[in-house]
Amino acid sequence: MDAKAEFIEIYKKNIKREGADKLLQWLESSDFFTCPASTKFHSNFAGGLVEHSVKVYHRLERLVTMEKLSISAESIAVVALLHDVCKADTYKIEMRNVKRDGEWLKEPYYTVDDPLPYGHGEKSVYIISSFMKLTRDEAMAINWHMGPYDARNANNSYVLSDAFRKFPLTLIMFLADISSSYLDETVKK
């Protein structure tokens, strides 16, 4: 099964709350299913974002089971599948010159042109919340899924450690995301 079909199957099976259908329609009208997950760090190829989201879902599901946490299947799907909706419609393809075998060639690459520079995790929470309600645990997990790599931690804030301590889903979502990015995914050179 391709990543888009798997994403939609998991989404429809688990996410039943009001507004979920409209959010899925919005995702399908955006480039969510065809854009990369990043420009150079992980899954930096067409369709990489949806592939990343599905892999994070499977990692999060395993972590919840392993840690014996009481987190609903719906929350697992919401957090994992939707944590990076902030990336939809932000990547653009540009061309650059590269030298291969002594010859200059034009090569496409991804750049970021964010029409709504609202942040990362907080932007995903903002977008999702315009379609459906999130629980506090879900909002915290999505908001802080970048963990220490979030720019808001630049001044060694204690906010992240408080979020990890008070909302266990936040910590294991970070672990699922970072593990997937480094262990399950590839980077196109």
N, C-alpha and C. Protein backbone atom coordinates (compact mmCIF):
# COMPACT_ATOMS: atom_id res chain seq x y z
N MET A 1 0.84 -1.17 0.00
CA MET A 1 0.00 0.00 0.00
C MET A 1 0.90 1.24 0.00
N ASP A 2 0.54 2.23 -0.81
CA ASP A 2 1.36 3.45 -0.81
C ASP A 2 1.04 4.29 0.42
N ALA A 3 1.93 5.24 0.71
CA ALA A 3 1.83 6.01 1.96
C ALA A 3 0.54 6.82 2.04
N LYS A 4 0.10 7.41 0.94
CA LYS A 4 -1.15 8.20 0.97
C LYS A 4 -2.33 7.30 1.31
N ALA A 5 -2.44 6.15 0.67
CA ALA A 5 -3.55 5.24 0.94
C ALA A 5 -3.51 4.75 2.40
N GLU A 6 -2.30 4.46 2.90
CA GLU A 6 -2.18 4.01 4.29
C GLU A 6 -2.56 5.13 5.26
N PHE A 7 -2.10 6.35 4.98
CA PHE A 7 -2.45 7.51 5.81
C PHE A 7 -3.96 7.65 5.89
N ILE A 8 -4.62 7.64 4.75
CA ILE A 8 -6.08 7.85 4.71
C ILE A 8 -6.80 6.71 5.42
N GLU A 9 -6.32 5.49 5.25
CA GLU A 9 -6.94 4.35 5.93
C GLU A 9 -6.83 4.50 7.45
N ILE A 10 -5.64 4.82 7.95
CA ILE A 10 -5.43 5.00 9.40
C ILE A 10 -6.28 6.18 9.90
N TYR A 11 -6.27 7.26 9.15
CA TYR A 11 -7.02 8.47 9.52
C TYR A 11 -8.50 8.15 9.67
N LYS A 12 -9.10 7.57 8.63
CA LYS A 12 -10.55 7.30 8.64
C LYS A 12 -10.94 6.25 9.68
N LYS A 13 -10.08 5.30 9.92
CA LYS A 13 -10.37 4.25 10.91
C LYS A 13 -10.35 4.81 12.33
N ASN A 14 -9.46 5.76 12.62
CA ASN A 14 -9.23 6.20 14.00
C ASN A 14 -9.75 7.59 14.36
N ILE A 15 -9.78 8.50 13.43
CA ILE A 15 -10.14 9.89 13.77
C ILE A 15 -11.60 10.13 13.41
N LYS A 16 -12.44 10.20 14.43
CA LYS A 16 -13.89 10.27 14.24
C LYS A 16 -14.52 11.58 14.70
N ARG A 17 -13.74 12.49 15.24
CA ARG A 17 -14.33 13.68 15.83
C ARG A 17 -14.83 14.66 14.77
N GLU A 18 -15.72 15.53 15.23
CA GLU A 18 -16.31 16.54 14.35
C GLU A 18 -15.22 17.39 13.70
N GLY A 19 -15.33 17.56 12.40
CA GLY A 19 -14.37 18.37 11.66
C GLY A 19 -13.25 17.57 11.01
N ALA A 20 -13.10 16.30 11.39
CA ALA A 20 -12.03 15.47 10.83
C ALA A 20 -12.17 15.32 9.33
N ASP A 21 -13.40 15.18 8.85
CA ASP A 21 -13.62 15.04 7.41
C ASP A 21 -13.21 16.29 6.65
N LYS A 22 -13.48 17.45 7.22
CA LYS A 22 -13.10 18.72 6.57
C LYS A 22 -11.58 18.91 6.57
N LEU A 23 -10.94 18.49 7.65
CA LEU A 23 -9.48 18.58 7.70
C LEU A 23 -8.85 17.67 6.63
N LEU A 24 -9.38 16.47 6.48
CA LEU A 24 -8.86 15.57 5.45
C LEU A 24 -9.07 16.16 4.06
N GLN A 25 -10.21 16.79 3.83
CA GLN A 25 -10.45 17.46 2.54
C GLN A 25 -9.42 18.56 2.31
N TRP A 26 -9.12 19.33 3.36
CA TRP A 26 -8.12 20.39 3.24
C TRP A 26 -6.75 19.80 2.90
N LEU A 27 -6.38 18.71 3.58
CA LEU A 27 -5.10 18.07 3.30
C LEU A 27 -5.03 17.64 1.83
N GLU A 28 -6.13 17.09 1.33
CA GLU A 28 -6.15 16.63 -0.06
C GLU A 28 -6.12 17.79 -1.05
N SER A 29 -6.59 18.95 -0.64
CA SER A 29 -6.55 20.12 -1.54
C SER A 29 -5.20 20.83 -1.50
N SER A 30 -4.38 20.49 -0.51
CA SER A 30 -3.04 21.07 -0.38
C SER A 30 -2.04 20.12 -1.04
N ASP A 31 -0.76 20.40 -0.87
CA ASP A 31 0.27 19.50 -1.39
C ASP A 31 0.79 18.53 -0.32
N PHE A 32 0.03 18.37 0.77
CA PHE A 32 0.45 17.51 1.88
C PHE A 32 0.90 16.12 1.42
N PHE A 33 0.19 15.54 0.48
CA PHE A 33 0.48 14.17 0.05
C PHE A 33 1.58 14.07 -1.01
N THR A 34 2.05 15.20 -1.50
CA THR A 34 3.08 15.18 -2.54
C THR A 34 4.35 15.94 -2.16
N CYS A 35 4.32 16.71 -1.10
CA CYS A 35 5.50 17.50 -0.73
C CYS A 35 6.50 16.68 0.07
N PRO A 36 7.73 17.18 0.19
CA PRO A 36 8.74 16.48 1.00
C PRO A 36 8.49 16.74 2.49
N ALA A 37 9.18 15.99 3.32
CA ALA A 37 9.12 16.23 4.77
C ALA A 37 10.11 17.32 5.18
N SER A 38 11.15 17.53 4.37
CA SER A 38 12.15 18.56 4.65
C SER A 38 12.90 18.86 3.36
N THR A 39 13.74 19.88 3.41
CA THR A 39 14.54 20.20 2.24
C THR A 39 15.79 19.33 2.16
N LYS A 40 16.33 18.93 3.34
CA LYS A 40 17.57 18.16 3.32
C LYS A 40 17.78 17.22 4.49
N PHE A 41 16.94 17.24 5.50
CA PHE A 41 17.21 16.46 6.71
C PHE A 41 16.64 15.05 6.69
N HIS A 42 15.43 14.88 6.22
CA HIS A 42 14.82 13.54 6.15
C HIS A 42 13.68 13.57 5.15
N SER A 43 13.50 12.46 4.45
CA SER A 43 12.42 12.31 3.46
C SER A 43 12.25 13.55 2.60
N ASN A 44 13.37 14.00 2.03
CA ASN A 44 13.39 15.23 1.23
C ASN A 44 13.12 14.92 -0.25
N PHE A 45 11.99 14.27 -0.49
CA PHE A 45 11.59 13.90 -1.84
C PHE A 45 10.07 14.01 -1.93
N ALA A 46 9.57 14.06 -3.14
CA ALA A 46 8.12 14.16 -3.35
C ALA A 46 7.42 13.01 -2.63
N GLY A 47 6.40 13.33 -1.84
CA GLY A 47 5.68 12.33 -1.07
C GLY A 47 6.32 12.00 0.27
N GLY A 48 7.44 12.65 0.56
CA GLY A 48 8.16 12.36 1.81
C GLY A 48 7.40 12.70 3.06
N LEU A 49 6.58 13.75 3.02
CA LEU A 49 5.86 14.15 4.23
C LEU A 49 4.82 13.12 4.65
N VAL A 50 4.06 12.62 3.72
CA VAL A 50 3.06 11.62 4.09
C VAL A 50 3.73 10.32 4.53
N GLU A 51 4.83 9.96 3.87
CA GLU A 51 5.58 8.77 4.26
C GLU A 51 6.11 8.92 5.69
N HIS A 52 6.68 10.09 6.00
CA HIS A 52 7.17 10.39 7.34
C HIS A 52 6.04 10.28 8.36
N SER A 53 4.90 10.88 8.06
CA SER A 53 3.77 10.89 9.00
C SER A 53 3.31 9.48 9.33
N VAL A 54 3.25 8.60 8.34
CA VAL A 54 2.84 7.22 8.56
C VAL A 54 3.89 6.48 9.40
N LYS A 55 5.15 6.70 9.12
CA LYS A 55 6.21 6.04 9.90
C LYS A 55 6.20 6.51 11.35
N VAL A 56 5.95 7.79 11.57
CA VAL A 56 5.85 8.30 12.94
C VAL A 56 4.65 7.66 13.64
N TYR A 57 3.55 7.49 12.93
CA TYR A 57 2.37 6.84 13.50
C TYR A 57 2.74 5.44 14.03
N HIS A 58 3.41 4.65 13.21
CA HIS A 58 3.77 3.28 13.63
C HIS A 58 4.74 3.29 14.81
N ARG A 59 5.69 4.21 14.81
CA ARG A 59 6.62 4.32 15.95
C ARG A 59 5.88 4.74 17.22
N LEU A 60 4.99 5.72 17.10
CA LEU A 60 4.25 6.20 18.28
C LEU A 60 3.36 5.09 18.84
N GLU A 61 2.71 4.38 17.96
CA GLU A 61 1.85 3.27 18.39
C GLU A 61 2.66 2.24 19.19
N ARG A 62 3.86 1.91 18.69
CA ARG A 62 4.72 0.95 19.41
C ARG A 62 5.18 1.50 20.76
N LEU A 63 5.55 2.78 20.79
CA LEU A 63 6.01 3.38 22.06
C LEU A 63 4.89 3.41 23.10
N VAL A 64 3.69 3.76 22.70
CA VAL A 64 2.55 3.78 23.62
C VAL A 64 2.33 2.38 24.20
N THR A 65 2.39 1.36 23.37
CA THR A 65 2.22 -0.02 23.82
C THR A 65 3.35 -0.43 24.75
N MET A 66 4.58 -0.16 24.34
CA MET A 66 5.76 -0.54 25.11
C MET A 66 5.75 0.11 26.50
N GLU A 67 5.36 1.37 26.56
CA GLU A 67 5.36 2.09 27.85
C GLU A 67 4.06 1.89 28.64
N LYS A 68 3.14 1.12 28.06
CA LYS A 68 1.85 0.82 28.71
C LYS A 68 1.11 2.10 29.11
N LEU A 69 1.09 3.05 28.19
CA LEU A 69 0.40 4.31 28.44
C LEU A 69 -1.05 4.20 28.00
N SER A 70 -1.91 4.90 28.70
CA SER A 70 -3.33 4.88 28.37
C SER A 70 -3.63 6.07 27.45
N ILE A 71 -3.39 5.85 26.16
CA ILE A 71 -3.60 6.88 25.15
C ILE A 71 -4.46 6.25 24.07
N SER A 72 -5.53 6.91 23.71
CA SER A 72 -6.48 6.34 22.75
C SER A 72 -5.88 6.21 21.36
N ALA A 73 -6.43 5.29 20.59
CA ALA A 73 -6.02 5.10 19.20
C ALA A 73 -6.27 6.38 18.41
N GLU A 74 -7.32 7.11 18.75
CA GLU A 74 -7.61 8.36 18.06
C GLU A 74 -6.53 9.39 18.33
N SER A 75 -6.12 9.53 19.58
CA SER A 75 -5.06 10.50 19.92
C SER A 75 -3.74 10.13 19.24
N ILE A 76 -3.41 8.86 19.21
CA ILE A 76 -2.18 8.43 18.54
C ILE A 76 -2.23 8.84 17.07
N ALA A 77 -3.34 8.59 16.41
CA ALA A 77 -3.49 8.93 14.99
C ALA A 77 -3.46 10.44 14.78
N VAL A 78 -4.16 11.19 15.60
CA VAL A 78 -4.19 12.65 15.46
C VAL A 78 -2.79 13.22 15.58
N VAL A 79 -2.09 12.85 16.64
CA VAL A 79 -0.78 13.43 16.92
C VAL A 79 0.24 13.03 15.86
N ALA A 80 0.33 11.76 15.55
CA ALA A 80 1.35 11.28 14.62
C ALA A 80 1.07 11.70 13.19
N LEU A 81 -0.13 11.52 12.73
CA LEU A 81 -0.44 11.82 11.32
C LEU A 81 -0.45 13.32 11.04
N LEU A 82 -0.79 14.13 12.03
CA LEU A 82 -1.02 15.55 11.79
C LEU A 82 0.05 16.48 12.36
N HIS A 83 1.08 15.95 13.00
CA HIS A 83 2.06 16.82 13.67
C HIS A 83 2.75 17.79 12.72
N ASP A 84 2.88 17.45 11.45
CA ASP A 84 3.59 18.29 10.49
C ASP A 84 2.69 18.91 9.41
N VAL A 85 1.41 19.08 9.70
CA VAL A 85 0.54 19.73 8.69
C VAL A 85 1.01 21.15 8.39
N CYS A 86 1.82 21.70 9.27
CA CYS A 86 2.38 23.04 9.06
C CYS A 86 3.23 23.12 7.81
N LYS A 87 3.68 21.98 7.30
CA LYS A 87 4.55 21.97 6.13
C LYS A 87 3.79 21.99 4.80
N ALA A 88 2.49 21.76 4.85
CA ALA A 88 1.70 21.76 3.61
C ALA A 88 1.79 23.14 2.95
N ASP A 89 1.99 23.12 1.66
CA ASP A 89 2.04 24.33 0.83
C ASP A 89 3.19 25.28 1.20
N THR A 90 4.28 24.75 1.73
CA THR A 90 5.42 25.62 2.07
C THR A 90 6.67 25.34 1.23
N TYR A 91 6.72 24.22 0.54
CA TYR A 91 7.91 23.88 -0.24
C TYR A 91 7.74 24.28 -1.70
N LYS A 92 8.80 24.80 -2.25
CA LYS A 92 8.84 25.20 -3.66
C LYS A 92 10.05 24.53 -4.30
N ILE A 93 9.95 24.28 -5.60
CA ILE A 93 11.08 23.71 -6.33
C ILE A 93 11.78 24.82 -7.10
N GLU A 94 13.09 24.91 -6.90
CA GLU A 94 13.93 25.85 -7.64
C GLU A 94 15.04 25.05 -8.32
N MET A 95 15.77 25.71 -9.15
CA MET A 95 16.86 25.05 -9.88
C MET A 95 18.21 25.62 -9.41
N ARG A 96 19.22 24.76 -9.42
CA ARG A 96 20.58 25.20 -9.09
C ARG A 96 21.55 24.52 -10.07
N ASN A 97 22.71 25.11 -10.19
CA ASN A 97 23.76 24.54 -11.04
C ASN A 97 24.61 23.60 -10.21
N VAL A 98 24.85 22.40 -10.75
CA VAL A 98 25.72 21.43 -10.10
C VAL A 98 26.69 20.89 -11.15
N LYS A 99 27.89 20.60 -10.71
CA LYS A 99 28.90 20.10 -11.64
C LYS A 99 29.01 18.58 -11.48
N ARG A 100 28.76 17.87 -12.57
CA ARG A 100 28.83 16.41 -12.58
C ARG A 100 29.73 15.98 -13.73
N ASP A 101 30.76 15.23 -13.39
CA ASP A 101 31.69 14.74 -14.42
C ASP A 101 32.22 15.88 -15.28
N GLY A 102 32.53 17.01 -14.63
CA GLY A 102 33.10 18.16 -15.34
C GLY A 102 32.11 18.97 -16.14
N GLU A 103 30.82 18.63 -16.03
CA GLU A 103 29.81 19.35 -16.81
C GLU A 103 28.79 19.99 -15.86
N TRP A 104 28.44 21.24 -16.15
CA TRP A 104 27.45 21.95 -15.35
C TRP A 104 26.05 21.56 -15.80
N LEU A 105 25.23 21.18 -14.82
CA LEU A 105 23.84 20.77 -15.09
C LEU A 105 22.90 21.53 -14.17
N LYS A 106 21.67 21.74 -14.62
CA LYS A 106 20.62 22.32 -13.77
C LYS A 106 19.95 21.17 -13.01
N GLU A 107 19.79 21.37 -11.71
CA GLU A 107 19.18 20.34 -10.87
C GLU A 107 18.10 20.97 -9.99
N PRO A 108 16.94 20.32 -9.88
CA PRO A 108 15.90 20.87 -9.00
C PRO A 108 16.22 20.59 -7.53
N TYR A 109 15.78 21.49 -6.67
CA TYR A 109 15.91 21.27 -5.23
C TYR A 109 14.77 22.00 -4.53
N TYR A 110 14.47 21.60 -3.29
CA TYR A 110 13.38 22.20 -2.53
C TYR A 110 13.87 23.39 -1.70
N THR A 111 13.05 24.43 -1.69
CA THR A 111 13.26 25.57 -0.80
C THR A 111 11.98 25.77 0.00
N VAL A 112 12.05 26.61 1.01
CA VAL A 112 10.88 26.89 1.85
C VAL A 112 10.41 28.31 1.58
N ASP A 113 9.13 28.42 1.32
CA ASP A 113 8.47 29.72 1.16
C ASP A 113 7.15 29.62 1.92
N ASP A 114 7.22 29.90 3.21
CA ASP A 114 6.08 29.71 4.10
C ASP A 114 5.11 30.88 4.02
N PRO A 115 3.90 30.66 3.51
CA PRO A 115 2.92 31.74 3.42
C PRO A 115 2.34 32.16 4.78
N LEU A 116 2.54 31.31 5.80
CA LEU A 116 2.04 31.60 7.15
C LEU A 116 3.15 31.30 8.16
N PRO A 117 4.13 32.20 8.31
CA PRO A 117 5.26 31.95 9.21
C PRO A 117 4.87 32.07 10.68
N TYR A 118 4.20 31.06 11.17
CA TYR A 118 3.61 31.06 12.50
C TYR A 118 4.42 30.21 13.48
N GLY A 119 5.47 29.59 13.00
CA GLY A 119 6.24 28.67 13.81
C GLY A 119 6.09 27.28 13.24
N HIS A 120 6.41 26.27 14.02
CA HIS A 120 6.35 24.90 13.50
C HIS A 120 5.23 24.12 14.20
N GLY A 121 5.50 23.58 15.37
CA GLY A 121 4.47 22.83 16.09
C GLY A 121 3.23 23.66 16.37
N GLU A 122 3.47 24.91 16.75
CA GLU A 122 2.33 25.79 17.06
C GLU A 122 1.49 26.08 15.81
N LYS A 123 2.12 26.09 14.64
CA LYS A 123 1.37 26.30 13.40
C LYS A 123 0.51 25.07 13.10
N SER A 124 1.04 23.88 13.33
CA SER A 124 0.24 22.67 13.13
C SER A 124 -0.98 22.67 14.05
N VAL A 125 -0.78 23.03 15.33
CA VAL A 125 -1.90 23.12 16.27
C VAL A 125 -2.93 24.13 15.77
N TYR A 126 -2.46 25.27 15.30
CA TYR A 126 -3.34 26.32 14.79
C TYR A 126 -4.18 25.82 13.61
N ILE A 127 -3.53 25.18 12.66
CA ILE A 127 -4.24 24.68 11.47
C ILE A 127 -5.26 23.62 11.85
N ILE A 128 -4.84 22.62 12.61
CA ILE A 128 -5.74 21.54 13.01
C ILE A 128 -6.94 22.10 13.78
N SER A 129 -6.68 23.03 14.69
CA SER A 129 -7.74 23.59 15.54
C SER A 129 -8.77 24.39 14.75
N SER A 130 -8.42 24.80 13.55
CA SER A 130 -9.41 25.51 12.75
C SER A 130 -10.42 24.53 12.13
N PHE A 131 -10.15 23.23 12.22
CA PHE A 131 -11.06 22.21 11.69
C PHE A 131 -11.70 21.37 12.79
N MET A 132 -10.92 21.01 13.80
CA MET A 132 -11.45 20.14 14.85
C MET A 132 -10.74 20.43 16.18
N LYS A 133 -11.39 20.04 17.26
CA LYS A 133 -10.82 20.26 18.58
C LYS A 133 -9.73 19.23 18.87
N LEU A 134 -8.71 19.71 19.56
CA LEU A 134 -7.65 18.85 20.06
C LEU A 134 -7.77 18.76 21.57
N THR A 135 -7.40 17.62 22.13
CA THR A 135 -7.31 17.55 23.59
C THR A 135 -6.06 18.33 24.00
N ARG A 136 -5.95 18.63 25.25
CA ARG A 136 -4.76 19.34 25.74
C ARG A 136 -3.51 18.49 25.51
N ASP A 137 -3.59 17.19 25.77
CA ASP A 137 -2.44 16.30 25.55
C ASP A 137 -2.02 16.31 24.08
N GLU A 138 -2.98 16.24 23.17
CA GLU A 138 -2.68 16.24 21.74
C GLU A 138 -2.03 17.55 21.32
N ALA A 139 -2.60 18.66 21.78
CA ALA A 139 -2.06 19.98 21.43
C ALA A 139 -0.62 20.13 21.94
N MET A 140 -0.37 19.68 23.15
CA MET A 140 0.99 19.78 23.70
C MET A 140 1.96 18.90 22.91
N ALA A 141 1.55 17.69 22.58
CA ALA A 141 2.42 16.77 21.85
C ALA A 141 2.76 17.30 20.46
N ILE A 142 1.77 17.85 19.78
CA ILE A 142 2.03 18.41 18.45
C ILE A 142 2.86 19.68 18.56
N ASN A 143 2.51 20.53 19.50
CA ASN A 143 3.23 21.80 19.68
C ASN A 143 4.71 21.58 19.95
N TRP A 144 5.05 20.59 20.77
CA TRP A 144 6.44 20.39 21.19
C TRP A 144 7.10 19.18 20.55
N HIS A 145 6.58 18.68 19.42
CA HIS A 145 7.13 17.45 18.83
C HIS A 145 8.58 17.59 18.36
N MET A 146 9.07 18.80 18.18
CA MET A 146 10.47 19.01 17.78
C MET A 146 11.42 18.92 18.98
N GLY A 147 10.87 18.87 20.18
CA GLY A 147 11.68 18.73 21.37
C GLY A 147 12.75 19.81 21.46
N PRO A 148 13.98 19.43 21.78
CA PRO A 148 15.05 20.43 21.95
C PRO A 148 15.45 21.11 20.64
N TYR A 149 14.98 20.60 19.50
CA TYR A 149 15.31 21.23 18.22
C TYR A 149 14.37 22.39 17.88
N ASP A 150 13.39 22.62 18.71
CA ASP A 150 12.47 23.74 18.51
C ASP A 150 13.20 25.05 18.83
N ALA A 151 13.07 26.01 17.95
CA ALA A 151 13.78 27.30 18.11
C ALA A 151 13.41 28.00 19.41
N ARG A 152 12.25 27.69 19.96
CA ARG A 152 11.83 28.34 21.21
C ARG A 152 12.67 27.89 22.40
N ASN A 153 13.51 26.87 22.23
CA ASN A 153 14.38 26.39 23.31
C ASN A 153 15.75 27.06 23.30
N ALA A 154 15.94 28.06 22.45
CA ALA A 154 17.25 28.69 22.29
C ALA A 154 17.82 29.23 23.61
N ASN A 155 16.98 29.64 24.50
CA ASN A 155 17.45 30.21 25.77
C ASN A 155 17.38 29.21 26.92
N ASN A 156 17.42 27.90 26.58
CA ASN A 156 17.37 26.84 27.58
C ASN A 156 16.16 26.97 28.51
N SER A 157 15.03 27.21 27.91
CA SER A 157 13.80 27.34 28.66
C SER A 157 13.43 26.03 29.35
N TYR A 158 12.80 26.13 30.50
CA TYR A 158 12.33 24.96 31.22
C TYR A 158 10.95 24.52 30.73
N VAL A 159 10.39 25.26 29.78
CA VAL A 159 9.04 24.96 29.30
C VAL A 159 8.98 23.55 28.69
N LEU A 160 9.96 23.20 27.89
CA LEU A 160 9.95 21.89 27.25
C LEU A 160 10.02 20.77 28.29
N SER A 161 10.92 20.87 29.24
CA SER A 161 11.00 19.80 30.25
C SER A 161 9.72 19.71 31.07
N ASP A 162 9.08 20.85 31.32
CA ASP A 162 7.78 20.82 32.00
C ASP A 162 6.74 20.11 31.15
N ALA A 163 6.73 20.39 29.85
CA ALA A 163 5.77 19.74 28.95
C ALA A 163 6.02 18.24 28.91
N PHE A 164 7.28 17.82 28.83
CA PHE A 164 7.61 16.39 28.82
C PHE A 164 7.15 15.72 30.12
N ARG A 165 7.38 16.39 31.24
CA ARG A 165 7.05 15.81 32.55
C ARG A 165 5.53 15.74 32.77
N LYS A 166 4.82 16.79 32.38
CA LYS A 166 3.38 16.87 32.67
C LYS A 166 2.51 16.16 31.63
N PHE A 167 3.03 15.99 30.42
CA PHE A 167 2.25 15.41 29.33
C PHE A 167 3.09 14.33 28.65
N PRO A 168 3.05 13.10 29.15
CA PRO A 168 3.90 12.02 28.61
C PRO A 168 3.78 11.81 27.10
N LEU A 169 2.61 12.07 26.54
CA LEU A 169 2.44 11.94 25.09
C LEU A 169 3.39 12.88 24.36
N THR A 170 3.71 14.01 24.95
CA THR A 170 4.63 14.98 24.35
C THR A 170 6.02 14.37 24.20
N LEU A 171 6.51 13.74 25.24
CA LEU A 171 7.83 13.12 25.19
C LEU A 171 7.87 11.97 24.19
N ILE A 172 6.88 11.08 24.25
CA ILE A 172 6.97 9.93 23.34
C ILE A 172 6.69 10.33 21.90
N MET A 173 5.96 11.42 21.68
CA MET A 173 5.79 11.90 20.31
C MET A 173 7.12 12.42 19.77
N PHE A 174 7.86 13.17 20.58
CA PHE A 174 9.19 13.61 20.17
C PHE A 174 10.07 12.41 19.84
N LEU A 175 10.04 11.38 20.69
CA LEU A 175 10.86 10.18 20.46
C LEU A 175 10.45 9.46 19.17
N ALA A 176 9.16 9.38 18.91
CA ALA A 176 8.68 8.74 17.68
C ALA A 176 9.12 9.52 16.46
N ASP A 177 9.01 10.84 16.52
CA ASP A 177 9.36 11.70 15.38
C ASP A 177 10.86 11.65 15.10
N ILE A 178 11.66 11.79 16.11
CA ILE A 178 13.11 11.82 15.91
C ILE A 178 13.63 10.44 15.51
N SER A 179 13.08 9.38 16.09
CA SER A 179 13.49 8.03 15.72
C SER A 179 13.15 7.73 14.27
N SER A 180 11.95 8.09 13.88
CA SER A 180 11.55 7.87 12.49
C SER A 180 12.46 8.64 11.54
N SER A 181 12.72 9.90 11.87
CA SER A 181 13.54 10.75 11.00
C SER A 181 14.95 10.20 10.78
N TYR A 182 15.55 9.64 11.84
CA TYR A 182 16.93 9.17 11.75
C TYR A 182 17.07 7.68 11.46
N LEU A 183 16.10 6.89 11.87
CA LEU A 183 16.25 5.44 11.73
C LEU A 183 15.45 4.84 10.58
N ASP A 184 14.31 5.44 10.24
CA ASP A 184 13.41 4.83 9.27
C ASP A 184 13.43 5.51 7.90
N GLU A 185 14.00 6.70 7.84
CA GLU A 185 13.86 7.50 6.62
C GLU A 185 15.19 7.70 5.91
N THR A 186 15.09 8.11 4.66
CA THR A 186 16.27 8.34 3.85
C THR A 186 16.35 9.82 3.46
N VAL A 187 17.53 10.19 3.02
CA VAL A 187 17.77 11.55 2.53
C VAL A 187 18.26 11.44 1.10
N LYS A 188 17.63 12.17 0.21
CA LYS A 188 18.05 12.20 -1.19
C LYS A 188 19.21 13.17 -1.31
N LYS A 189 20.34 12.71 -1.79
CA LYS A 189 21.52 13.56 -1.93
C LYS A 189 21.44 14.39 -3.18
